[in-house]
N, C-alpha and C. Protein backbone atom coordinates (compact mmCIF):
# COMPACT_ATOMS: atom_id res chain seq x y z
N MET A 1 22.51 49.63 -15.53
CA MET A 1 23.32 50.21 -16.57
C MET A 1 23.16 49.41 -17.87
N VAL A 2 23.17 48.08 -17.73
CA VAL A 2 23.02 47.22 -18.90
C VAL A 2 21.65 47.43 -19.54
N GLU A 3 20.62 47.56 -18.69
CA GLU A 3 19.26 47.79 -19.21
C GLU A 3 19.20 49.09 -20.01
N PHE A 4 19.82 50.15 -19.47
CA PHE A 4 19.85 51.44 -20.17
C PHE A 4 20.56 51.30 -21.51
N CYS A 5 21.73 50.65 -21.51
CA CYS A 5 22.50 50.48 -22.75
C CYS A 5 21.70 49.69 -23.78
N ASN A 6 20.96 48.70 -23.32
CA ASN A 6 20.15 47.89 -24.22
C ASN A 6 18.99 48.71 -24.78
N LYS A 7 18.29 49.46 -23.91
CA LYS A 7 17.14 50.25 -24.35
C LYS A 7 17.54 51.38 -25.29
N THR A 8 18.69 51.96 -25.08
CA THR A 8 19.12 53.08 -25.91
C THR A 8 19.76 52.63 -27.21
N GLY A 9 20.04 51.33 -27.33
CA GLY A 9 20.63 50.82 -28.56
C GLY A 9 22.14 50.89 -28.61
N ILE A 10 22.76 51.26 -27.50
CA ILE A 10 24.23 51.36 -27.47
C ILE A 10 24.87 50.01 -27.75
N LEU A 11 24.30 48.94 -27.16
CA LEU A 11 24.88 47.61 -27.36
C LEU A 11 24.85 47.20 -28.82
N SER A 12 23.71 47.42 -29.48
CA SER A 12 23.63 47.06 -30.91
C SER A 12 24.49 47.98 -31.76
N LEU A 13 24.67 49.22 -31.32
CA LEU A 13 25.53 50.15 -32.04
C LEU A 13 26.96 49.63 -32.11
N PHE A 14 27.45 49.10 -31.00
CA PHE A 14 28.82 48.58 -30.99
C PHE A 14 28.97 47.37 -31.91
N ASP A 15 27.88 46.63 -32.15
CA ASP A 15 27.93 45.52 -33.10
C ASP A 15 28.10 46.03 -34.54
N GLU A 16 27.55 47.21 -34.81
CA GLU A 16 27.56 47.75 -36.17
C GLU A 16 28.81 48.56 -36.51
N ILE A 17 29.48 49.08 -35.52
CA ILE A 17 30.66 49.93 -35.76
C ILE A 17 31.84 49.06 -36.20
N LYS A 18 32.37 49.39 -37.37
CA LYS A 18 33.51 48.62 -37.89
C LYS A 18 34.83 49.13 -37.33
N ASP A 19 34.94 50.44 -37.19
CA ASP A 19 36.18 51.03 -36.71
C ASP A 19 35.82 52.10 -35.67
N LEU A 20 36.00 51.77 -34.41
CA LEU A 20 35.62 52.68 -33.34
C LEU A 20 36.37 54.00 -33.43
N TYR A 21 37.62 53.96 -33.80
CA TYR A 21 38.42 55.18 -33.92
C TYR A 21 37.81 56.12 -34.95
N ASP A 22 37.47 55.59 -36.14
CA ASP A 22 36.83 56.42 -37.17
C ASP A 22 35.48 56.95 -36.69
N TYR A 23 34.75 56.10 -36.01
CA TYR A 23 33.44 56.51 -35.51
C TYR A 23 33.57 57.69 -34.55
N LEU A 24 34.49 57.57 -33.61
CA LEU A 24 34.68 58.63 -32.63
C LEU A 24 35.17 59.92 -33.28
N LEU A 25 35.89 59.82 -34.34
CA LEU A 25 36.34 61.01 -35.05
C LEU A 25 35.21 61.65 -35.85
N GLY A 26 34.14 60.92 -36.02
CA GLY A 26 32.97 61.47 -36.69
C GLY A 26 32.89 61.19 -38.17
N ILE A 27 33.78 60.34 -38.69
CA ILE A 27 33.75 60.05 -40.12
C ILE A 27 32.47 59.30 -40.47
N GLU A 28 32.22 58.18 -39.78
CA GLU A 28 30.99 57.43 -40.04
C GLU A 28 29.78 58.25 -39.64
N VAL A 29 29.86 58.92 -38.52
CA VAL A 29 28.75 59.70 -38.00
C VAL A 29 28.32 60.78 -38.98
N GLY A 30 29.28 61.51 -39.51
CA GLY A 30 28.98 62.60 -40.43
C GLY A 30 28.27 62.14 -41.68
N LEU A 31 28.57 60.95 -42.15
CA LEU A 31 27.93 60.43 -43.35
C LEU A 31 26.48 60.05 -43.11
N ASP A 32 26.12 59.84 -41.84
CA ASP A 32 24.80 59.32 -41.53
C ASP A 32 24.03 60.25 -40.59
N SER A 33 24.30 61.54 -40.64
CA SER A 33 23.73 62.46 -39.65
C SER A 33 22.21 62.59 -39.73
N ASN A 34 21.65 62.53 -40.91
CA ASN A 34 20.21 62.72 -41.04
C ASN A 34 19.42 61.60 -40.39
N THR A 35 19.90 60.37 -40.47
CA THR A 35 19.16 59.25 -39.87
C THR A 35 19.23 59.28 -38.35
N ARG A 36 20.19 60.01 -37.81
CA ARG A 36 20.31 60.09 -36.35
C ARG A 36 19.51 61.24 -35.77
N LYS A 37 18.94 62.06 -36.62
CA LYS A 37 18.21 63.23 -36.14
C LYS A 37 17.11 62.78 -35.17
N ASN A 38 17.07 63.38 -34.03
CA ASN A 38 16.09 63.10 -32.98
C ASN A 38 16.17 61.68 -32.42
N ARG A 39 17.31 61.03 -32.53
CA ARG A 39 17.44 59.69 -31.97
C ARG A 39 17.19 59.71 -30.46
N SER A 40 17.73 60.69 -29.76
CA SER A 40 17.53 60.76 -28.31
C SER A 40 16.06 60.99 -27.98
N GLY A 41 15.35 61.75 -28.82
CA GLY A 41 13.93 61.97 -28.61
C GLY A 41 13.12 60.69 -28.77
N LYS A 42 13.45 59.89 -29.77
CA LYS A 42 12.74 58.62 -29.98
C LYS A 42 13.04 57.63 -28.84
N ILE A 43 14.28 57.60 -28.39
CA ILE A 43 14.64 56.73 -27.27
C ILE A 43 13.89 57.17 -26.02
N PHE A 44 13.85 58.48 -25.79
CA PHE A 44 13.15 59.01 -24.62
C PHE A 44 11.66 58.67 -24.69
N GLU A 45 11.07 58.80 -25.85
CA GLU A 45 9.66 58.47 -26.04
C GLU A 45 9.39 57.00 -25.71
N LYS A 46 10.25 56.13 -26.18
CA LYS A 46 10.09 54.69 -25.92
C LYS A 46 10.25 54.38 -24.43
N MET A 47 11.23 55.01 -23.79
CA MET A 47 11.43 54.80 -22.36
C MET A 47 10.21 55.28 -21.57
N CYS A 48 9.64 56.41 -21.95
CA CYS A 48 8.45 56.93 -21.28
C CYS A 48 7.27 55.99 -21.46
N GLN A 49 7.08 55.51 -22.68
CA GLN A 49 5.97 54.61 -22.95
C GLN A 49 6.07 53.34 -22.11
N GLU A 50 7.25 52.75 -22.06
CA GLU A 50 7.43 51.53 -21.28
C GLU A 50 7.18 51.78 -19.79
N LYS A 51 7.65 52.91 -19.29
CA LYS A 51 7.45 53.23 -17.87
C LYS A 51 5.97 53.48 -17.59
N ILE A 52 5.29 54.19 -18.48
CA ILE A 52 3.86 54.44 -18.30
C ILE A 52 3.09 53.13 -18.25
N LYS A 53 3.39 52.23 -19.16
CA LYS A 53 2.69 50.93 -19.18
C LYS A 53 2.92 50.16 -17.89
N ARG A 54 4.11 50.26 -17.31
CA ARG A 54 4.39 49.58 -16.04
C ARG A 54 3.65 50.24 -14.88
N LEU A 55 3.49 51.54 -14.94
CA LEU A 55 2.93 52.29 -13.82
C LEU A 55 1.41 52.26 -13.74
N ILE A 56 0.75 52.26 -14.87
CA ILE A 56 -0.70 52.42 -14.83
C ILE A 56 -1.42 51.08 -14.73
N ASN A 57 -2.63 51.18 -14.25
CA ASN A 57 -3.51 50.03 -14.08
C ASN A 57 -3.76 49.38 -15.44
N PRO A 58 -3.82 48.04 -15.48
CA PRO A 58 -4.08 47.37 -16.77
C PRO A 58 -5.45 47.73 -17.36
N TYR A 59 -6.29 48.37 -16.56
CA TYR A 59 -7.60 48.81 -17.03
C TYR A 59 -7.46 49.89 -18.10
N PHE A 60 -6.33 50.61 -18.08
CA PHE A 60 -6.07 51.64 -19.07
C PHE A 60 -5.29 51.04 -20.24
N MET A 61 -5.50 51.59 -21.43
CA MET A 61 -4.78 51.13 -22.61
C MET A 61 -3.98 52.31 -23.19
N VAL A 62 -2.70 52.05 -23.48
CA VAL A 62 -1.83 53.08 -24.06
C VAL A 62 -1.69 52.81 -25.55
N VAL A 63 -2.04 53.79 -26.38
CA VAL A 63 -1.95 53.65 -27.83
C VAL A 63 -0.92 54.65 -28.35
N ASN A 64 0.04 54.13 -29.08
CA ASN A 64 1.11 54.92 -29.70
C ASN A 64 0.61 55.61 -30.95
N ASN A 65 0.89 56.88 -31.12
CA ASN A 65 0.57 57.59 -32.37
C ASN A 65 -0.82 57.22 -32.90
N ASP A 66 -1.81 57.33 -32.04
CA ASP A 66 -3.18 56.94 -32.37
C ASP A 66 -3.74 57.80 -33.50
N GLN A 67 -4.09 57.16 -34.60
CA GLN A 67 -4.65 57.85 -35.76
C GLN A 67 -6.12 58.23 -35.55
N ASN A 68 -6.75 57.65 -34.51
CA ASN A 68 -8.18 57.86 -34.30
C ASN A 68 -8.53 59.02 -33.39
N PHE A 69 -7.54 59.55 -32.66
CA PHE A 69 -7.83 60.67 -31.77
C PHE A 69 -6.66 61.64 -31.76
N SER A 70 -6.97 62.90 -32.02
CA SER A 70 -5.93 63.92 -32.00
C SER A 70 -6.55 65.27 -31.67
N LEU A 71 -5.83 66.04 -30.87
CA LEU A 71 -6.24 67.41 -30.57
C LEU A 71 -5.71 68.39 -31.60
N TYR A 72 -4.78 67.92 -32.43
CA TYR A 72 -4.22 68.79 -33.47
C TYR A 72 -5.26 69.00 -34.56
N LYS A 73 -5.25 70.19 -35.12
CA LYS A 73 -6.16 70.47 -36.23
C LYS A 73 -5.63 69.76 -37.46
N PRO A 74 -6.54 69.14 -38.24
CA PRO A 74 -6.10 68.45 -39.46
C PRO A 74 -5.49 69.43 -40.46
N PHE A 75 -4.55 68.92 -41.23
CA PHE A 75 -3.96 69.72 -42.29
C PHE A 75 -5.01 69.91 -43.37
N SER A 76 -4.92 70.97 -44.14
CA SER A 76 -5.92 71.24 -45.17
C SER A 76 -5.98 70.09 -46.17
N GLY A 77 -7.21 69.66 -46.45
CA GLY A 77 -7.42 68.58 -47.40
C GLY A 77 -7.12 67.20 -46.84
N ASN A 78 -6.68 67.13 -45.61
CA ASN A 78 -6.36 65.84 -45.00
C ASN A 78 -7.29 65.63 -43.81
N GLN A 79 -7.94 64.50 -43.77
CA GLN A 79 -8.87 64.20 -42.68
C GLN A 79 -8.16 64.07 -41.34
N LYS A 80 -6.98 63.49 -41.34
CA LYS A 80 -6.28 63.24 -40.09
C LYS A 80 -5.06 64.13 -39.97
N GLY A 81 -4.92 64.77 -38.82
CA GLY A 81 -3.78 65.64 -38.57
C GLY A 81 -2.66 64.88 -37.89
N LYS A 82 -1.83 65.62 -37.24
CA LYS A 82 -0.69 65.07 -36.51
C LYS A 82 -1.19 64.21 -35.35
N THR A 83 -0.44 63.18 -35.02
CA THR A 83 -0.81 62.32 -33.90
C THR A 83 -0.02 62.70 -32.66
N HIS A 84 -0.50 62.23 -31.52
CA HIS A 84 0.19 62.43 -30.25
C HIS A 84 1.10 61.23 -30.00
N ASP A 85 2.11 61.44 -29.17
CA ASP A 85 3.02 60.33 -28.86
C ASP A 85 2.24 59.16 -28.27
N PHE A 86 1.34 59.45 -27.32
CA PHE A 86 0.48 58.40 -26.74
C PHE A 86 -0.88 58.98 -26.42
N VAL A 87 -1.87 58.11 -26.52
CA VAL A 87 -3.20 58.41 -26.02
C VAL A 87 -3.54 57.29 -25.05
N VAL A 88 -3.97 57.65 -23.84
CA VAL A 88 -4.36 56.66 -22.85
C VAL A 88 -5.88 56.60 -22.83
N TYR A 89 -6.39 55.38 -22.98
CA TYR A 89 -7.83 55.14 -23.01
C TYR A 89 -8.29 54.44 -21.74
N LYS A 90 -9.50 54.79 -21.33
CA LYS A 90 -10.21 54.07 -20.28
C LYS A 90 -11.43 53.49 -20.99
N GLY A 91 -11.38 52.20 -21.25
CA GLY A 91 -12.37 51.61 -22.14
C GLY A 91 -12.14 52.12 -23.54
N ASN A 92 -13.18 52.68 -24.15
CA ASN A 92 -13.05 53.25 -25.49
C ASN A 92 -12.91 54.77 -25.48
N THR A 93 -12.76 55.33 -24.29
CA THR A 93 -12.73 56.78 -24.16
C THR A 93 -11.31 57.30 -23.94
N PRO A 94 -10.85 58.21 -24.80
CA PRO A 94 -9.53 58.81 -24.56
C PRO A 94 -9.61 59.73 -23.34
N ILE A 95 -8.69 59.53 -22.40
CA ILE A 95 -8.71 60.36 -21.19
C ILE A 95 -7.42 61.14 -20.97
N LEU A 96 -6.34 60.72 -21.63
CA LEU A 96 -5.05 61.37 -21.41
C LEU A 96 -4.26 61.41 -22.71
N ILE A 97 -3.77 62.59 -23.05
CA ILE A 97 -2.90 62.78 -24.21
C ILE A 97 -1.50 63.02 -23.67
N VAL A 98 -0.50 62.34 -24.24
CA VAL A 98 0.88 62.48 -23.76
C VAL A 98 1.78 62.90 -24.92
N GLU A 99 2.57 63.93 -24.68
CA GLU A 99 3.63 64.34 -25.60
C GLU A 99 4.96 64.26 -24.86
N CYS A 100 5.97 63.70 -25.51
CA CYS A 100 7.31 63.54 -24.91
C CYS A 100 8.34 64.29 -25.74
N ASN A 101 9.23 65.00 -25.06
CA ASN A 101 10.32 65.70 -25.74
C ASN A 101 11.57 65.65 -24.89
N PHE A 102 12.69 65.41 -25.54
CA PHE A 102 14.00 65.44 -24.87
C PHE A 102 14.87 66.42 -25.64
N TYR A 103 15.43 67.40 -24.94
CA TYR A 103 16.23 68.42 -25.59
C TYR A 103 17.65 68.43 -25.05
N ASN A 104 18.59 68.14 -25.93
CA ASN A 104 20.01 68.22 -25.57
C ASN A 104 20.51 69.66 -25.63
N VAL A 105 20.01 70.41 -26.60
CA VAL A 105 20.46 71.80 -26.79
C VAL A 105 19.25 72.72 -26.85
N GLY A 106 19.48 73.97 -26.48
CA GLY A 106 18.42 74.96 -26.51
C GLY A 106 18.20 75.48 -27.91
N GLY A 107 17.41 76.52 -28.00
CA GLY A 107 17.13 77.12 -29.29
C GLY A 107 15.66 77.41 -29.45
N SER A 108 15.26 77.63 -30.69
CA SER A 108 13.88 78.02 -30.95
C SER A 108 12.91 76.84 -30.86
N LYS A 109 13.38 75.63 -31.11
CA LYS A 109 12.48 74.47 -31.11
C LYS A 109 11.82 74.25 -29.74
N PRO A 110 12.57 74.15 -28.64
CA PRO A 110 11.90 73.96 -27.35
C PRO A 110 10.96 75.11 -26.99
N ILE A 111 11.32 76.31 -27.39
CA ILE A 111 10.47 77.47 -27.10
C ILE A 111 9.15 77.37 -27.87
N SER A 112 9.22 77.04 -29.16
CA SER A 112 7.99 76.95 -29.96
C SER A 112 7.13 75.76 -29.52
N ILE A 113 7.77 74.67 -29.12
CA ILE A 113 7.02 73.51 -28.63
C ILE A 113 6.27 73.89 -27.36
N ALA A 114 6.94 74.56 -26.44
CA ALA A 114 6.30 74.99 -25.19
C ALA A 114 5.07 75.85 -25.49
N GLU A 115 5.21 76.77 -26.41
CA GLU A 115 4.09 77.65 -26.78
C GLU A 115 2.95 76.85 -27.42
N SER A 116 3.29 75.91 -28.30
CA SER A 116 2.25 75.12 -28.96
C SER A 116 1.53 74.20 -27.98
N TYR A 117 2.24 73.74 -26.96
CA TYR A 117 1.61 72.86 -25.97
C TYR A 117 0.67 73.62 -25.04
N ILE A 118 0.89 74.91 -24.88
CA ILE A 118 -0.06 75.73 -24.13
C ILE A 118 -1.40 75.73 -24.88
N GLU A 119 -1.35 75.83 -26.20
CA GLU A 119 -2.57 75.76 -27.02
C GLU A 119 -3.18 74.37 -26.96
N LEU A 120 -2.34 73.35 -26.93
CA LEU A 120 -2.83 71.97 -26.84
C LEU A 120 -3.54 71.74 -25.51
N GLN A 121 -3.05 72.34 -24.45
CA GLN A 121 -3.70 72.26 -23.13
C GLN A 121 -5.13 72.80 -23.22
N LYS A 122 -5.30 73.92 -23.90
CA LYS A 122 -6.64 74.52 -24.06
C LYS A 122 -7.56 73.57 -24.83
N ALA A 123 -7.04 72.99 -25.91
CA ALA A 123 -7.83 72.06 -26.72
C ALA A 123 -8.20 70.82 -25.91
N ALA A 124 -7.29 70.36 -25.07
CA ALA A 124 -7.56 69.18 -24.24
C ALA A 124 -8.71 69.46 -23.28
N LYS A 125 -8.69 70.62 -22.66
CA LYS A 125 -9.78 70.98 -21.73
C LYS A 125 -11.12 71.04 -22.46
N GLU A 126 -11.12 71.57 -23.68
CA GLU A 126 -12.35 71.63 -24.46
C GLU A 126 -12.90 70.25 -24.77
N LYS A 127 -12.01 69.28 -24.96
CA LYS A 127 -12.42 67.90 -25.28
C LYS A 127 -12.56 67.03 -24.03
N ASN A 128 -12.36 67.64 -22.86
CA ASN A 128 -12.47 66.94 -21.59
C ASN A 128 -11.48 65.78 -21.45
N VAL A 129 -10.26 66.01 -21.93
CA VAL A 129 -9.18 65.04 -21.73
C VAL A 129 -8.03 65.75 -21.01
N ILE A 130 -7.16 64.97 -20.43
CA ILE A 130 -6.01 65.51 -19.70
C ILE A 130 -4.82 65.56 -20.66
N PHE A 131 -4.07 66.64 -20.58
CA PHE A 131 -2.85 66.75 -21.37
C PHE A 131 -1.65 66.64 -20.44
N LEU A 132 -0.71 65.76 -20.77
CA LEU A 132 0.51 65.56 -20.00
C LEU A 132 1.71 65.77 -20.92
N TRP A 133 2.58 66.68 -20.53
CA TRP A 133 3.82 66.92 -21.28
C TRP A 133 4.97 66.37 -20.46
N ILE A 134 5.66 65.39 -21.03
CA ILE A 134 6.86 64.83 -20.41
C ILE A 134 8.04 65.41 -21.16
N THR A 135 8.85 66.19 -20.48
CA THR A 135 9.99 66.81 -21.13
C THR A 135 11.21 66.72 -20.23
N ASP A 136 12.36 66.58 -20.85
CA ASP A 136 13.59 66.41 -20.08
C ASP A 136 14.76 66.80 -20.96
N GLY A 137 15.92 66.81 -20.38
CA GLY A 137 17.14 67.06 -21.12
C GLY A 137 17.89 68.27 -20.60
N PRO A 138 19.18 68.31 -20.90
CA PRO A 138 20.05 69.37 -20.39
C PRO A 138 19.73 70.77 -20.93
N ALA A 139 19.02 70.86 -22.04
CA ALA A 139 18.72 72.18 -22.61
C ALA A 139 17.90 73.04 -21.65
N TRP A 140 17.04 72.40 -20.86
CA TRP A 140 16.17 73.17 -19.97
C TRP A 140 16.93 73.87 -18.85
N HIS A 141 18.15 73.43 -18.55
CA HIS A 141 18.94 74.10 -17.51
C HIS A 141 19.27 75.54 -17.91
N LYS A 142 19.42 75.77 -19.20
CA LYS A 142 19.76 77.12 -19.68
C LYS A 142 18.56 77.88 -20.21
N MET A 143 17.42 77.20 -20.31
CA MET A 143 16.23 77.82 -20.91
C MET A 143 15.03 77.69 -19.96
N LYS A 144 15.16 78.19 -18.79
CA LYS A 144 14.11 78.02 -17.78
C LYS A 144 12.86 78.85 -18.06
N ASP A 145 13.02 80.02 -18.64
CA ASP A 145 11.87 80.93 -18.83
C ASP A 145 10.73 80.32 -19.64
N PRO A 146 10.98 79.72 -20.81
CA PRO A 146 9.86 79.14 -21.56
C PRO A 146 9.18 78.00 -20.80
N LEU A 147 9.97 77.23 -20.07
CA LEU A 147 9.40 76.12 -19.30
C LEU A 147 8.55 76.66 -18.15
N LEU A 148 9.03 77.67 -17.47
CA LEU A 148 8.26 78.27 -16.38
C LEU A 148 6.96 78.89 -16.88
N ARG A 149 7.01 79.54 -18.05
CA ARG A 149 5.78 80.10 -18.66
C ARG A 149 4.78 78.98 -18.94
N ALA A 150 5.27 77.89 -19.49
CA ALA A 150 4.39 76.76 -19.81
C ALA A 150 3.81 76.14 -18.54
N MET A 151 4.61 76.06 -17.49
CA MET A 151 4.14 75.46 -16.23
C MET A 151 2.99 76.26 -15.62
N LYS A 152 2.92 77.53 -15.91
CA LYS A 152 1.82 78.35 -15.39
C LYS A 152 0.52 78.08 -16.14
N LYS A 153 0.61 77.53 -17.35
CA LYS A 153 -0.58 77.37 -18.19
C LYS A 153 -0.94 75.93 -18.52
N ILE A 154 0.00 75.01 -18.29
CA ILE A 154 -0.26 73.59 -18.57
C ILE A 154 -0.38 72.87 -17.23
N ASP A 155 -1.47 72.12 -17.08
CA ASP A 155 -1.75 71.48 -15.79
C ASP A 155 -0.68 70.47 -15.37
N TYR A 156 -0.19 69.68 -16.32
CA TYR A 156 0.74 68.61 -15.96
C TYR A 156 1.97 68.62 -16.86
N ILE A 157 3.10 69.02 -16.29
CA ILE A 157 4.40 68.93 -16.95
C ILE A 157 5.31 68.18 -15.99
N VAL A 158 5.89 67.09 -16.46
CA VAL A 158 6.80 66.30 -15.62
C VAL A 158 8.04 65.94 -16.42
N ASN A 159 9.09 65.57 -15.69
CA ASN A 159 10.25 64.99 -16.35
C ASN A 159 10.21 63.47 -16.13
N TYR A 160 11.19 62.76 -16.65
CA TYR A 160 11.17 61.30 -16.57
C TYR A 160 11.15 60.81 -15.13
N LYS A 161 11.92 61.46 -14.29
CA LYS A 161 12.01 61.04 -12.89
C LYS A 161 10.67 61.21 -12.17
N MET A 162 9.86 62.17 -12.58
CA MET A 162 8.57 62.45 -11.95
C MET A 162 7.42 61.66 -12.56
N LEU A 163 7.69 60.79 -13.50
CA LEU A 163 6.65 60.12 -14.28
C LEU A 163 5.70 59.26 -13.44
N SER A 164 6.13 58.84 -12.26
CA SER A 164 5.24 58.04 -11.41
C SER A 164 4.00 58.84 -10.99
N LEU A 165 4.03 60.16 -11.13
CA LEU A 165 2.86 60.99 -10.83
C LEU A 165 1.69 60.68 -11.76
N ILE A 166 1.93 59.95 -12.82
CA ILE A 166 0.84 59.62 -13.75
C ILE A 166 -0.27 58.83 -13.04
N LYS A 167 0.10 58.07 -12.02
CA LYS A 167 -0.91 57.32 -11.26
C LYS A 167 -1.88 58.28 -10.58
N LYS A 168 -1.38 59.35 -10.00
CA LYS A 168 -2.24 60.35 -9.35
C LYS A 168 -3.06 61.11 -10.38
N ILE A 169 -2.45 61.41 -11.51
CA ILE A 169 -3.16 62.13 -12.57
C ILE A 169 -4.35 61.32 -13.06
N LEU A 170 -4.14 60.02 -13.25
CA LEU A 170 -5.20 59.16 -13.77
C LEU A 170 -6.22 58.76 -12.71
N LYS A 171 -5.85 58.86 -11.46
CA LYS A 171 -6.73 58.44 -10.36
C LYS A 171 -8.05 59.21 -10.38
N ASN A 172 -8.01 60.45 -10.76
CA ASN A 172 -9.21 61.29 -10.76
C ASN A 172 -10.05 61.15 -12.03
N SER A 173 -9.58 60.37 -12.99
CA SER A 173 -10.33 60.28 -14.26
C SER A 173 -11.24 59.08 -14.29
């Protein structure tokens, strides 16, 4: 429990809060809502990265937001497009692309991400790399259809609890 609180930043948050009552009422929170956007997603991404590094053989290298390899098409006039959350290398060769998402609430975002990752799966196959989507969160309990559609077209979709499967995924590469 302490490790989770430390990794999520809850412990440092309590150091910064001047008035817990005001914070819980949302006064401080409301003033700072934009900086908290996707905080759970960033925490989830960091937790996934740390777990992946612990699970995989040291022969593999995990690179965060690698500017040198991307399956995304570059933006017009820009040489480099969007980066992936992680790229796993075997030597100098990219072998696994990882995207992480955590959704607290449903809506159009998880649906559009699922659809875009189906396209990313196709691009990964063309480049002879593996695509892994790590997704979790309570939103998926109410939005099963887009996830089930994606599972039919994406080779590897796991949640945090299933992340140890990365060893089997990499074993064949």
